[in-house]
Amino acid sequence: MLEARDSDEAQQLADARAGDRGAFDRLVARHAPRLIGLAARMLGEKSDAEDAVQDALASAWLALHRFDLDKPAGPWLATITINKCRDAMRRRRLARLLSFAADQRADDIIDLSPDQEQQLAERQLLARVRREIARLPPKLKEPFVLVVFDDRSQEEAARILGISRKSVETRIYRARNFLREKFEIF
């Protein structure tokens, strides 16, 4: 679904470009939840996602003078966010390569009362699915997350990623096949 460009957003962009920080904050408030969801699916951790989005928004503020005010802000912000996620994933790989792995987070302590066992199994499966999505190569993960989780059209994902719609379609197909092999889902 293409993002509707409304006059309120257009005015916020124009005001922000003129230096109005409050207008930029209102624009951010509109798009931040979706950007955090996108980054969380790309990076797997909410805190990492929040950091990536914060970096993306800082970059957007600094690059606002180059933004085409006739275009909607959502895809532009999503592109910057994806690039910040790519940077974070590169830093992770480098840290692993240099054996400076991040601290392991302790699992939540869970009360295993009778109904809790099923909930635990479901949470474990969900965690496993998230890990497998996080293991997808970026070329497969990015279009998959944009279309499946961020509810963007293949056309919009193609524009955000700078690839053809057919490439998006092919990469989503490959990502689903990878996950299907792991879980027999999707």
Protein backbone atom coordinates (compact mmCIF):
# COMPACT_ATOMS: atom_id res chain seq x y z
CA MET A 1 0.00 0.00 0.00
CA LEU A 2 1.44 3.35 -0.98
CA GLU A 3 1.63 5.93 1.73
CA ALA A 4 -0.81 8.76 1.33
CA ARG A 5 0.85 12.13 1.23
CA ASP A 6 -1.24 14.52 3.24
CA SER A 7 -0.96 18.26 3.57
CA ASP A 8 -0.12 18.00 7.28
CA GLU A 9 2.96 15.89 6.52
CA ALA A 10 3.94 18.20 3.68
CA GLN A 11 3.75 21.19 6.01
CA GLN A 12 5.71 19.36 8.72
CA LEU A 13 8.43 18.53 6.21
CA ALA A 14 8.61 22.11 4.95
CA ASP A 15 8.69 23.51 8.50
CA ALA A 16 11.32 20.97 9.57
CA ARG A 17 13.47 21.84 6.58
CA ALA A 18 13.21 25.49 7.65
CA GLY A 19 14.65 24.46 11.04
CA ASP A 20 11.49 23.85 13.10
CA ARG A 21 12.51 20.99 15.41
CA GLY A 22 8.93 20.65 16.72
CA ALA A 23 7.65 19.96 13.20
CA PHE A 24 10.28 17.25 12.79
CA ASP A 25 9.30 15.78 16.16
CA ARG A 26 5.66 15.57 15.04
CA LEU A 27 6.73 13.91 11.81
CA VAL A 28 8.84 11.44 13.79
CA ALA A 29 5.95 10.68 16.15
CA ARG A 30 3.87 9.68 13.14
CA HIS A 31 6.46 7.29 11.67
CA ALA A 32 8.49 6.06 14.67
CA PRO A 33 6.31 3.07 15.67
CA ARG A 34 6.45 1.62 12.18
CA LEU A 35 10.19 2.27 11.90
CA ILE A 36 10.87 0.61 15.25
CA GLY A 37 8.82 -2.42 14.18
CA LEU A 38 10.79 -2.62 10.95
CA ALA A 39 14.14 -2.34 12.73
CA ALA A 40 13.14 -4.83 15.43
CA ARG A 41 12.35 -7.40 12.77
CA MET A 42 15.61 -6.70 11.01
CA LEU A 43 17.79 -6.78 14.13
CA GLY A 44 15.84 -9.08 16.45
CA GLU A 45 16.24 -6.94 19.57
CA LYS A 46 14.03 -4.01 20.50
CA SER A 47 16.85 -2.07 22.14
CA ASP A 48 19.02 -2.47 19.03
CA ALA A 49 16.03 -1.42 16.91
CA GLU A 50 15.48 1.71 18.98
CA ASP A 51 19.15 2.61 18.62
CA ALA A 52 19.04 2.07 14.85
CA VAL A 53 15.89 4.19 14.51
CA GLN A 54 17.40 6.93 16.65
CA ASP A 55 20.48 6.93 14.39
CA ALA A 56 18.23 6.93 11.31
CA LEU A 57 16.21 9.88 12.54
CA ALA A 58 19.35 11.82 13.40
CA SER A 59 20.63 11.15 9.88
CA ALA A 60 17.27 12.17 8.42
CA TRP A 61 17.37 15.46 10.31
CA LEU A 62 20.86 16.17 8.98
CA ALA A 63 19.89 15.18 5.42
CA LEU A 64 16.51 16.93 5.38
CA HIS A 65 17.86 19.64 3.10
CA ARG A 66 18.38 16.98 0.38
CA PHE A 67 14.92 15.40 0.70
CA ASP A 68 12.43 15.96 -2.15
CA LEU A 69 9.49 17.64 -0.42
CA ASP A 70 7.11 16.35 -3.10
CA LYS A 71 7.58 12.76 -1.90
CA PRO A 72 6.18 11.08 1.23
CA ALA A 73 8.51 10.82 4.20
CA GLY A 74 7.67 7.21 5.16
CA PRO A 75 9.63 5.38 2.44
CA TRP A 76 12.57 7.77 2.82
CA LEU A 77 12.70 7.19 6.58
CA ALA A 78 12.33 3.42 6.05
CA THR A 79 15.28 3.43 3.64
CA ILE A 80 17.47 5.27 6.13
CA THR A 81 16.35 2.88 8.89
CA ILE A 82 17.19 -0.17 6.78
CA ASN A 83 20.64 1.28 6.09
CA LYS A 84 21.22 1.82 9.82
CA CYS A 85 20.10 -1.78 10.45
CA ARG A 86 22.59 -2.97 7.83
CA ASP A 87 25.31 -1.01 9.62
CA ALA A 88 24.33 -2.61 12.94
CA MET A 89 24.38 -6.09 11.41
CA ARG A 90 27.86 -5.42 9.95
CA ARG A 91 29.08 -4.29 13.37
CA ARG A 92 27.66 -7.49 14.91
CA ARG A 93 29.45 -9.68 12.36
CA LEU A 94 32.68 -7.81 12.94
CA ALA A 95 32.32 -8.18 16.71
CA ARG A 96 31.76 -11.92 16.34
CA LEU A 97 34.73 -12.14 14.02
CA LEU A 98 36.89 -10.40 16.59
CA SER A 99 35.39 -12.52 19.39
CA PHE A 100 33.81 -9.59 21.16
CA ALA A 101 30.36 -11.16 21.20
CA ALA A 102 27.65 -9.22 22.94
CA ASP A 103 26.53 -10.33 26.38
CA GLN A 104 23.96 -13.10 26.37
CA ARG A 105 20.65 -12.03 27.85
CA ALA A 106 19.24 -14.24 30.57
CA ASP A 107 15.99 -15.99 29.71
CA ASP A 108 12.94 -14.72 31.52
CA ILE A 109 12.07 -16.66 34.63
CA ILE A 110 8.79 -18.39 33.87
CA ASP A 111 6.16 -19.78 36.21
CA LEU A 112 5.38 -23.27 34.88
CA SER A 113 1.87 -23.65 36.21
CA PRO A 114 -0.34 -26.03 34.12
CA ASP A 115 -1.32 -23.52 31.38
CA GLN A 116 2.13 -21.98 31.33
CA GLU A 117 3.71 -25.01 29.65
CA GLN A 118 1.81 -24.40 26.39
CA GLN A 119 2.62 -20.69 26.56
CA LEU A 120 6.28 -21.54 27.10
CA ALA A 121 6.30 -23.84 24.06
CA GLU A 122 4.68 -21.12 21.94
CA ARG A 123 7.14 -18.49 23.16
CA GLN A 124 10.05 -20.81 22.41
CA LEU A 125 8.75 -21.45 18.90
CA LEU A 126 8.24 -17.72 18.34
CA ALA A 127 11.78 -17.03 19.58
CA ARG A 128 13.10 -19.70 17.22
CA VAL A 129 11.18 -18.18 14.28
CA ARG A 130 12.61 -14.75 15.14
CA ARG A 131 16.13 -16.19 15.29
CA GLU A 132 15.72 -17.87 11.91
CA ILE A 133 14.37 -14.65 10.37
CA ALA A 134 17.36 -12.82 11.86
CA ARG A 135 19.66 -15.41 10.21
CA LEU A 136 18.27 -14.76 6.75
CA PRO A 137 20.80 -13.05 4.51
CA PRO A 138 20.05 -9.30 4.37
CA LYS A 139 19.12 -9.53 0.69
CA LEU A 140 16.30 -11.93 1.64
CA LYS A 141 15.43 -10.50 5.05
CA GLU A 142 14.94 -6.88 3.98
CA PRO A 143 12.16 -7.42 1.40
CA PHE A 144 10.60 -10.17 3.53
CA VAL A 145 10.33 -7.91 6.57
CA LEU A 146 9.11 -4.92 4.56
CA VAL A 147 6.32 -6.85 2.83
CA VAL A 148 5.31 -9.50 5.38
CA PHE A 149 5.68 -7.59 8.65
CA ASP A 150 5.76 -3.91 7.72
CA ASP A 151 2.76 -4.35 5.39
CA ARG A 152 4.33 -2.61 2.43
CA SER A 153 3.58 -3.51 -1.16
CA GLN A 154 6.22 -5.23 -3.26
CA GLU A 155 6.43 -2.07 -5.38
CA GLU A 156 7.08 0.10 -2.34
CA ALA A 157 9.65 -2.37 -0.97
CA ALA A 158 11.37 -2.31 -4.37
CA ARG A 159 11.56 1.50 -4.28
CA ILE A 160 12.87 1.52 -0.71
CA LEU A 161 15.53 -1.09 -1.46
CA GLY A 162 16.41 0.25 -4.90
CA ILE A 163 15.71 -3.05 -6.68
CA SER A 164 13.07 -4.29 -9.11
CA ARG A 165 9.65 -5.54 -8.02
CA LYS A 166 10.54 -8.93 -9.52
CA SER A 167 13.67 -9.07 -7.34
CA VAL A 168 11.53 -8.36 -4.28
CA GLU A 169 9.13 -11.12 -5.29
CA THR A 170 11.97 -13.59 -5.84
CA ARG A 171 13.70 -12.75 -2.58
CA ILE A 172 10.48 -13.11 -0.58
CA TYR A 173 9.89 -16.47 -2.25
CA ARG A 174 13.40 -17.62 -1.28
CA ALA A 175 13.00 -16.35 2.30
CA ARG A 176 9.71 -18.20 2.66
CA ASN A 177 11.26 -21.39 1.29
CA PHE A 178 14.10 -21.10 3.78
CA LEU A 179 11.65 -20.69 6.66
CA ARG A 180 9.36 -23.39 5.29
CA GLU A 181 12.27 -25.83 5.39
CA LYS A 182 12.98 -24.91 9.00
CA PHE A 183 9.40 -24.90 10.31
CA GLU A 184 7.03 -26.12 7.63
CA ILE A 185 5.20 -22.78 7.88
CA PHE A 186 4.73 -19.65 5.76
